[in-house]
Amino acid sequence: MWLDTRGCSFARVPVTTTSEALTRDVRVSVRARYSEQNSDPNARQWVFLYTVTIKNEGSTRVQLLTRHWIITDANGEVEEVKGPGVVGKQPTLEPGQSFEYTSACPLKTPFGSMHGSYQMLGTHGQTFSVQVAGFALRVPGTMQ
């Protein structure tokens, strides 16, 4: 028995990838997804949105100072992004508090990956690095 699919349209199932890391009582969770409305495959431009939640699970205040992203596309091209804060902010998190933001990453290929770190400031003036575990950026239907 064969299924006749002529004349049918199939919606793409959204692909969401996730990652999570816990470093020195700071949990970083990421959800990434393809943004079809912001992408132009004919111009070799694929845009991915990622939402990051940073939660202070410790007993002292921390502040996010800087970010460092390592972005790799399907061709193996690597781009590093460094700078102060995230989305124009350097949030301070009391114990139990979270901060969430959404940003975008354009790629020249339909899949790639990101990972990185945040430099944090502790209560007593010490700085430390918090890891952002790697996550995939991919268009629905791609195999990577």
N, C-alpha and C. Protein backbone atom coordinates (compact mmCIF):
# COMPACT_ATOMS: atom_id res chain seq x y z
N MET A 1 0.84 -1.17 0.00
CA MET A 1 0.00 0.00 0.00
C MET A 1 0.89 1.24 0.00
N TRP A 2 0.61 2.17 -0.90
CA TRP A 2 1.37 3.40 -1.04
C TRP A 2 0.51 4.57 -0.62
N LEU A 3 1.13 5.55 -0.05
CA LEU A 3 0.44 6.78 0.34
C LEU A 3 0.70 7.81 -0.73
N ASP A 4 -0.37 8.34 -1.32
CA ASP A 4 -0.23 9.36 -2.34
C ASP A 4 -0.09 10.72 -1.66
N THR A 5 1.08 11.33 -1.79
CA THR A 5 1.33 12.61 -1.13
C THR A 5 1.29 13.78 -2.10
N ARG A 6 0.92 13.52 -3.35
CA ARG A 6 0.84 14.63 -4.30
C ARG A 6 -0.21 15.63 -3.84
N GLY A 7 0.13 16.88 -3.95
CA GLY A 7 -0.81 17.94 -3.58
C GLY A 7 -0.82 18.23 -2.09
N CYS A 8 -0.03 17.49 -1.31
CA CYS A 8 0.03 17.73 0.13
C CYS A 8 1.19 18.67 0.44
N SER A 9 1.03 19.44 1.47
CA SER A 9 2.15 20.25 1.93
C SER A 9 2.50 19.79 3.34
N PHE A 10 3.77 19.79 3.63
CA PHE A 10 4.24 19.34 4.93
C PHE A 10 4.88 20.51 5.66
N ALA A 11 4.40 20.76 6.86
CA ALA A 11 5.00 21.82 7.67
C ALA A 11 6.31 21.30 8.26
N ARG A 12 7.27 22.18 8.32
CA ARG A 12 8.53 21.81 8.97
C ARG A 12 8.31 21.78 10.47
N VAL A 13 8.80 20.75 11.07
CA VAL A 13 8.72 20.65 12.52
C VAL A 13 9.87 21.48 13.10
N PRO A 14 9.57 22.41 14.00
CA PRO A 14 10.63 23.24 14.56
C PRO A 14 11.66 22.37 15.30
N VAL A 15 12.91 22.74 15.17
CA VAL A 15 13.99 22.04 15.87
C VAL A 15 14.51 22.99 16.94
N THR A 16 14.47 22.52 18.17
CA THR A 16 15.02 23.28 19.27
C THR A 16 16.14 22.44 19.87
N THR A 17 17.31 23.03 20.02
CA THR A 17 18.41 22.33 20.67
C THR A 17 18.68 23.01 22.00
N THR A 18 19.22 22.25 22.93
CA THR A 18 19.43 22.76 24.27
C THR A 18 20.82 22.39 24.79
N SER A 19 21.24 23.11 25.80
CA SER A 19 22.45 22.74 26.54
C SER A 19 22.31 23.28 27.96
N GLU A 20 23.11 22.72 28.85
CA GLU A 20 23.09 23.17 30.23
C GLU A 20 24.44 22.89 30.87
N ALA A 21 24.92 23.82 31.67
CA ALA A 21 26.18 23.65 32.40
C ALA A 21 26.05 24.32 33.76
N LEU A 22 26.70 23.74 34.76
CA LEU A 22 26.74 24.31 36.10
C LEU A 22 28.20 24.51 36.48
N THR A 23 28.56 25.76 36.73
CA THR A 23 29.93 26.11 37.13
C THR A 23 29.86 26.99 38.36
N ARG A 24 30.47 26.57 39.44
CA ARG A 24 30.53 27.37 40.67
C ARG A 24 29.17 27.92 41.07
N ASP A 25 28.18 27.06 41.07
CA ASP A 25 26.81 27.38 41.48
C ASP A 25 26.07 28.34 40.55
N VAL A 26 26.58 28.52 39.34
CA VAL A 26 25.86 29.32 38.33
C VAL A 26 25.47 28.36 37.21
N ARG A 27 24.17 28.20 37.01
CA ARG A 27 23.64 27.31 35.97
C ARG A 27 23.30 28.13 34.73
N VAL A 28 23.80 27.68 33.58
CA VAL A 28 23.51 28.34 32.31
C VAL A 28 22.80 27.33 31.42
N SER A 29 21.57 27.66 31.05
CA SER A 29 20.76 26.83 30.17
C SER A 29 20.49 27.59 28.89
N VAL A 30 20.56 26.88 27.75
CA VAL A 30 20.36 27.52 26.45
C VAL A 30 19.34 26.72 25.64
N ARG A 31 18.45 27.43 24.96
CA ARG A 31 17.52 26.86 23.98
C ARG A 31 17.74 27.62 22.67
N ALA A 32 18.04 26.89 21.60
CA ALA A 32 18.28 27.54 20.30
C ALA A 32 17.29 27.02 19.28
N ARG A 33 16.95 27.89 18.33
CA ARG A 33 15.99 27.52 17.28
C ARG A 33 16.28 28.33 16.02
N TYR A 34 15.87 27.79 14.90
CA TYR A 34 16.02 28.44 13.60
C TYR A 34 14.96 29.52 13.46
N SER A 35 15.35 30.67 12.92
CA SER A 35 14.42 31.78 12.68
C SER A 35 14.21 31.93 11.18
N GLU A 36 13.22 31.24 10.66
CA GLU A 36 12.95 31.26 9.22
C GLU A 36 12.63 32.67 8.73
N GLN A 37 11.87 33.44 9.52
CA GLN A 37 11.45 34.78 9.08
C GLN A 37 12.61 35.76 8.98
N ASN A 38 13.72 35.50 9.68
CA ASN A 38 14.88 36.39 9.62
C ASN A 38 15.98 35.87 8.70
N SER A 39 15.76 34.73 8.08
CA SER A 39 16.78 34.09 7.24
C SER A 39 16.49 34.31 5.77
N ASP A 40 17.56 34.23 4.96
CA ASP A 40 17.45 34.33 3.51
C ASP A 40 18.42 33.31 2.89
N PRO A 41 17.99 32.04 2.79
CA PRO A 41 18.88 31.01 2.25
C PRO A 41 19.44 31.34 0.86
N ASN A 42 18.68 32.06 0.02
CA ASN A 42 19.18 32.44 -1.31
C ASN A 42 20.40 33.35 -1.20
N ALA A 43 20.50 34.11 -0.13
CA ALA A 43 21.64 34.98 0.11
C ALA A 43 22.65 34.32 1.06
N ARG A 44 22.47 33.02 1.30
CA ARG A 44 23.33 32.25 2.21
C ARG A 44 23.38 32.88 3.60
N GLN A 45 22.21 33.19 4.12
CA GLN A 45 22.08 33.80 5.44
C GLN A 45 21.02 33.04 6.23
N TRP A 46 21.47 32.28 7.24
CA TRP A 46 20.58 31.55 8.12
C TRP A 46 20.72 32.15 9.52
N VAL A 47 19.59 32.50 10.13
CA VAL A 47 19.61 33.16 11.44
C VAL A 47 19.00 32.22 12.48
N PHE A 48 19.68 32.15 13.61
CA PHE A 48 19.24 31.31 14.71
C PHE A 48 19.06 32.18 15.95
N LEU A 49 17.99 31.92 16.68
CA LEU A 49 17.73 32.61 17.93
C LEU A 49 18.12 31.69 19.07
N TYR A 50 18.71 32.24 20.10
CA TYR A 50 19.02 31.43 21.27
C TYR A 50 18.61 32.20 22.53
N THR A 51 18.00 31.47 23.45
CA THR A 51 17.54 32.04 24.71
C THR A 51 18.39 31.43 25.82
N VAL A 52 19.02 32.30 26.60
CA VAL A 52 19.90 31.88 27.67
C VAL A 52 19.26 32.23 29.01
N THR A 53 19.27 31.27 29.92
CA THR A 53 18.86 31.51 31.30
C THR A 53 20.06 31.28 32.20
N ILE A 54 20.40 32.29 32.98
CA ILE A 54 21.52 32.22 33.91
C ILE A 54 20.92 32.27 35.31
N LYS A 55 21.18 31.22 36.10
CA LYS A 55 20.59 31.16 37.44
C LYS A 55 21.70 31.03 38.49
N ASN A 56 21.61 31.88 39.51
CA ASN A 56 22.55 31.82 40.63
C ASN A 56 22.00 30.82 41.65
N GLU A 57 22.61 29.64 41.71
CA GLU A 57 22.18 28.61 42.66
C GLU A 57 23.05 28.62 43.91
N GLY A 58 23.92 29.61 44.04
CA GLY A 58 24.81 29.71 45.19
C GLY A 58 24.21 30.53 46.32
N SER A 59 25.05 30.84 47.28
CA SER A 59 24.60 31.56 48.47
C SER A 59 25.10 33.01 48.53
N THR A 60 25.83 33.43 47.47
CA THR A 60 26.31 34.80 47.42
C THR A 60 25.99 35.44 46.07
N ARG A 61 25.97 36.75 46.03
CA ARG A 61 25.67 37.52 44.82
C ARG A 61 26.78 37.34 43.78
N VAL A 62 26.38 37.31 42.49
CA VAL A 62 27.33 37.29 41.38
C VAL A 62 26.87 38.30 40.34
N GLN A 63 27.83 38.78 39.54
CA GLN A 63 27.50 39.70 38.45
C GLN A 63 28.18 39.24 37.17
N LEU A 64 27.44 39.24 36.08
CA LEU A 64 28.00 38.91 34.77
C LEU A 64 28.74 40.13 34.25
N LEU A 65 30.02 39.95 33.90
CA LEU A 65 30.83 41.07 33.41
C LEU A 65 30.98 41.03 31.89
N THR A 66 31.43 39.88 31.36
CA THR A 66 31.71 39.78 29.92
C THR A 66 31.22 38.45 29.37
N ARG A 67 31.17 38.40 28.04
CA ARG A 67 30.79 37.17 27.34
C ARG A 67 31.90 36.81 26.36
N HIS A 68 31.99 35.51 26.05
CA HIS A 68 32.92 35.01 25.04
C HIS A 68 32.24 33.84 24.34
N TRP A 69 31.91 34.04 23.08
CA TRP A 69 31.26 33.00 22.27
C TRP A 69 32.23 32.48 21.22
N ILE A 70 32.18 31.20 20.97
CA ILE A 70 32.90 30.57 19.86
C ILE A 70 31.85 29.94 18.97
N ILE A 71 31.75 30.45 17.74
CA ILE A 71 30.71 30.05 16.79
C ILE A 71 31.39 29.36 15.62
N THR A 72 30.92 28.16 15.30
CA THR A 72 31.50 27.39 14.21
C THR A 72 30.40 27.05 13.21
N ASP A 73 30.65 27.33 11.91
CA ASP A 73 29.65 26.99 10.90
C ASP A 73 29.96 25.62 10.30
N ALA A 74 29.13 25.19 9.36
CA ALA A 74 29.27 23.86 8.76
C ALA A 74 30.54 23.71 7.93
N ASN A 75 31.16 24.81 7.55
CA ASN A 75 32.41 24.76 6.80
C ASN A 75 33.63 24.74 7.72
N GLY A 76 33.39 24.75 9.03
CA GLY A 76 34.48 24.76 9.98
C GLY A 76 35.04 26.14 10.25
N GLU A 77 34.42 27.17 9.71
CA GLU A 77 34.88 28.54 9.97
C GLU A 77 34.46 28.94 11.38
N VAL A 78 35.42 29.47 12.12
CA VAL A 78 35.19 29.83 13.52
C VAL A 78 35.21 31.34 13.68
N GLU A 79 34.24 31.84 14.43
CA GLU A 79 34.18 33.26 14.76
C GLU A 79 34.11 33.37 16.28
N GLU A 80 34.92 34.24 16.84
CA GLU A 80 34.87 34.50 18.27
C GLU A 80 34.24 35.86 18.51
N VAL A 81 33.35 35.91 19.49
CA VAL A 81 32.69 37.16 19.85
C VAL A 81 32.96 37.40 21.33
N LYS A 82 33.57 38.54 21.64
CA LYS A 82 33.86 38.90 23.03
C LYS A 82 33.33 40.30 23.27
N GLY A 83 32.87 40.55 24.49
CA GLY A 83 32.43 41.89 24.80
C GLY A 83 31.84 41.99 26.19
N PRO A 84 31.54 43.21 26.60
CA PRO A 84 30.95 43.41 27.92
C PRO A 84 29.50 42.96 27.95
N GLY A 85 29.12 42.28 29.02
CA GLY A 85 27.72 41.94 29.27
C GLY A 85 27.06 41.14 28.18
N VAL A 86 25.73 41.11 28.28
CA VAL A 86 24.87 40.44 27.29
C VAL A 86 23.69 41.36 27.01
N VAL A 87 23.32 41.51 25.78
CA VAL A 87 22.22 42.39 25.33
C VAL A 87 22.26 43.75 26.04
N GLY A 88 23.47 44.30 26.17
CA GLY A 88 23.64 45.62 26.76
C GLY A 88 23.53 45.67 28.28
N LYS A 89 23.52 44.51 28.94
CA LYS A 89 23.38 44.49 30.40
C LYS A 89 24.48 43.68 31.04
N GLN A 90 24.77 44.01 32.28
CA GLN A 90 25.68 43.24 33.13
C GLN A 90 24.92 42.91 34.41
N PRO A 91 24.02 41.92 34.31
CA PRO A 91 23.10 41.66 35.42
C PRO A 91 23.79 41.16 36.69
N THR A 92 23.27 41.62 37.82
CA THR A 92 23.67 41.12 39.14
C THR A 92 22.59 40.16 39.61
N LEU A 93 23.02 38.98 40.05
CA LEU A 93 22.07 37.95 40.48
C LEU A 93 22.28 37.63 41.96
N GLU A 94 21.27 37.88 42.74
CA GLU A 94 21.28 37.47 44.14
C GLU A 94 21.06 35.96 44.19
N PRO A 95 21.34 35.32 45.32
CA PRO A 95 21.08 33.88 45.42
C PRO A 95 19.63 33.55 45.04
N GLY A 96 19.48 32.55 44.17
CA GLY A 96 18.15 32.12 43.72
C GLY A 96 17.61 32.89 42.53
N GLN A 97 18.22 34.00 42.16
CA GLN A 97 17.71 34.80 41.04
C GLN A 97 18.21 34.27 39.70
N SER A 98 17.41 34.57 38.66
CA SER A 98 17.74 34.20 37.28
C SER A 98 17.68 35.44 36.40
N PHE A 99 18.39 35.36 35.29
CA PHE A 99 18.33 36.38 34.24
C PHE A 99 18.19 35.64 32.92
N GLU A 100 17.26 36.08 32.09
CA GLU A 100 17.04 35.43 30.80
C GLU A 100 17.08 36.46 29.69
N TYR A 101 17.70 36.09 28.57
CA TYR A 101 17.73 36.97 27.42
C TYR A 101 17.71 36.13 26.15
N THR A 102 17.31 36.77 25.06
CA THR A 102 17.32 36.14 23.75
C THR A 102 18.16 36.98 22.81
N SER A 103 18.98 36.31 22.01
CA SER A 103 19.81 36.99 21.03
C SER A 103 19.79 36.17 19.74
N ALA A 104 20.52 36.63 18.74
CA ALA A 104 20.53 35.97 17.43
C ALA A 104 21.95 35.72 16.96
N CYS A 105 22.07 34.70 16.12
CA CYS A 105 23.36 34.35 15.53
C CYS A 105 23.16 34.06 14.04
N PRO A 106 23.71 34.88 13.16
CA PRO A 106 23.62 34.59 11.72
C PRO A 106 24.76 33.65 11.31
N LEU A 107 24.44 32.71 10.44
CA LEU A 107 25.45 31.81 9.87
C LEU A 107 25.37 31.86 8.35
N LYS A 108 26.47 31.48 7.69
CA LYS A 108 26.50 31.37 6.23
C LYS A 108 26.19 29.95 5.77
N THR A 109 25.87 29.07 6.72
CA THR A 109 25.53 27.69 6.43
C THR A 109 24.27 27.32 7.22
N PRO A 110 23.55 26.26 6.81
CA PRO A 110 22.30 25.92 7.49
C PRO A 110 22.48 25.20 8.83
N PHE A 111 23.71 24.94 9.22
CA PHE A 111 23.93 24.42 10.57
C PHE A 111 25.32 24.79 11.06
N GLY A 112 25.45 24.75 12.38
CA GLY A 112 26.70 25.07 13.04
C GLY A 112 26.55 24.81 14.52
N SER A 113 27.42 25.44 15.31
CA SER A 113 27.34 25.26 16.75
C SER A 113 27.92 26.48 17.47
N MET A 114 27.57 26.58 18.75
CA MET A 114 28.08 27.64 19.61
C MET A 114 28.43 27.07 20.97
N HIS A 115 29.42 27.64 21.60
CA HIS A 115 29.72 27.40 23.01
C HIS A 115 30.50 28.62 23.50
N GLY A 116 30.67 28.69 24.80
CA GLY A 116 31.40 29.85 25.28
C GLY A 116 31.48 29.92 26.78
N SER A 117 31.61 31.17 27.27
CA SER A 117 31.72 31.39 28.71
C SER A 117 31.33 32.82 29.05
N TYR A 118 31.03 33.00 30.32
CA TYR A 118 30.79 34.33 30.88
C TYR A 118 31.82 34.56 31.98
N GLN A 119 32.35 35.76 32.04
CA GLN A 119 33.23 36.14 33.16
C GLN A 119 32.32 36.76 34.20
N MET A 120 32.41 36.23 35.42
CA MET A 120 31.54 36.66 36.51
C MET A 120 32.38 37.31 37.61
N LEU A 121 31.73 38.16 38.39
CA LEU A 121 32.33 38.81 39.55
C LEU A 121 31.61 38.31 40.79
N GLY A 122 32.39 37.77 41.74
CA GLY A 122 31.81 37.29 42.99
C GLY A 122 31.71 38.39 44.03
N THR A 123 31.10 38.08 45.16
CA THR A 123 30.87 39.05 46.23
C THR A 123 32.15 39.67 46.77
N HIS A 124 33.22 38.89 46.83
CA HIS A 124 34.46 39.38 47.44
C HIS A 124 35.46 39.89 46.40
N GLY A 125 34.96 40.25 45.22
CA GLY A 125 35.81 40.84 44.20
C GLY A 125 36.56 39.86 43.31
N GLN A 126 36.37 38.57 43.53
CA GLN A 126 37.05 37.59 42.68
C GLN A 126 36.27 37.40 41.37
N THR A 127 37.00 37.20 40.29
CA THR A 127 36.36 36.90 39.01
C THR A 127 36.55 35.42 38.71
N PHE A 128 35.59 34.87 37.99
CA PHE A 128 35.65 33.47 37.61
C PHE A 128 34.87 33.27 36.32
N SER A 129 35.20 32.19 35.63
CA SER A 129 34.59 31.88 34.35
C SER A 129 33.47 30.85 34.54
N VAL A 130 32.34 31.09 33.89
CA VAL A 130 31.20 30.18 33.89
C VAL A 130 31.03 29.65 32.47
N GLN A 131 30.98 28.35 32.33
CA GLN A 131 30.89 27.73 31.00
C GLN A 131 29.48 27.76 30.44
N VAL A 132 29.41 27.92 29.13
CA VAL A 132 28.17 27.73 28.37
C VAL A 132 28.41 26.49 27.51
N ALA A 133 27.71 25.42 27.82
CA ALA A 133 27.90 24.16 27.09
C ALA A 133 27.51 24.33 25.62
N GLY A 134 28.14 23.56 24.77
CA GLY A 134 27.88 23.64 23.34
C GLY A 134 26.46 23.26 22.97
N PHE A 135 25.94 23.91 21.94
CA PHE A 135 24.61 23.60 21.42
C PHE A 135 24.62 23.76 19.91
N ALA A 136 23.75 23.01 19.27
CA ALA A 136 23.68 23.02 17.81
C ALA A 136 22.78 24.13 17.32
N LEU A 137 23.13 24.65 16.15
CA LEU A 137 22.30 25.61 15.41
C LEU A 137 21.99 24.89 14.10
N ARG A 138 20.71 24.58 13.87
CA ARG A 138 20.42 23.85 12.64
C ARG A 138 19.01 24.10 12.14
N VAL A 139 18.93 24.13 10.84
CA VAL A 139 17.65 24.27 10.14
C VAL A 139 16.93 22.93 10.22
N PRO A 140 15.61 22.93 10.43
CA PRO A 140 14.89 21.65 10.41
C PRO A 140 15.17 20.89 9.12
N GLY A 141 15.43 19.60 9.27
CA GLY A 141 15.70 18.76 8.10
C GLY A 141 17.17 18.55 7.82
N THR A 142 18.06 19.32 8.48
CA THR A 142 19.49 19.09 8.30
C THR A 142 19.92 18.00 9.27
N MET A 143 20.93 17.28 8.90
CA MET A 143 21.33 16.11 9.67
C MET A 143 22.29 16.42 10.81
N GLN A 144 22.98 17.52 10.78
CA GLN A 144 23.97 17.80 11.83
C GLN A 144 23.34 18.28 13.09
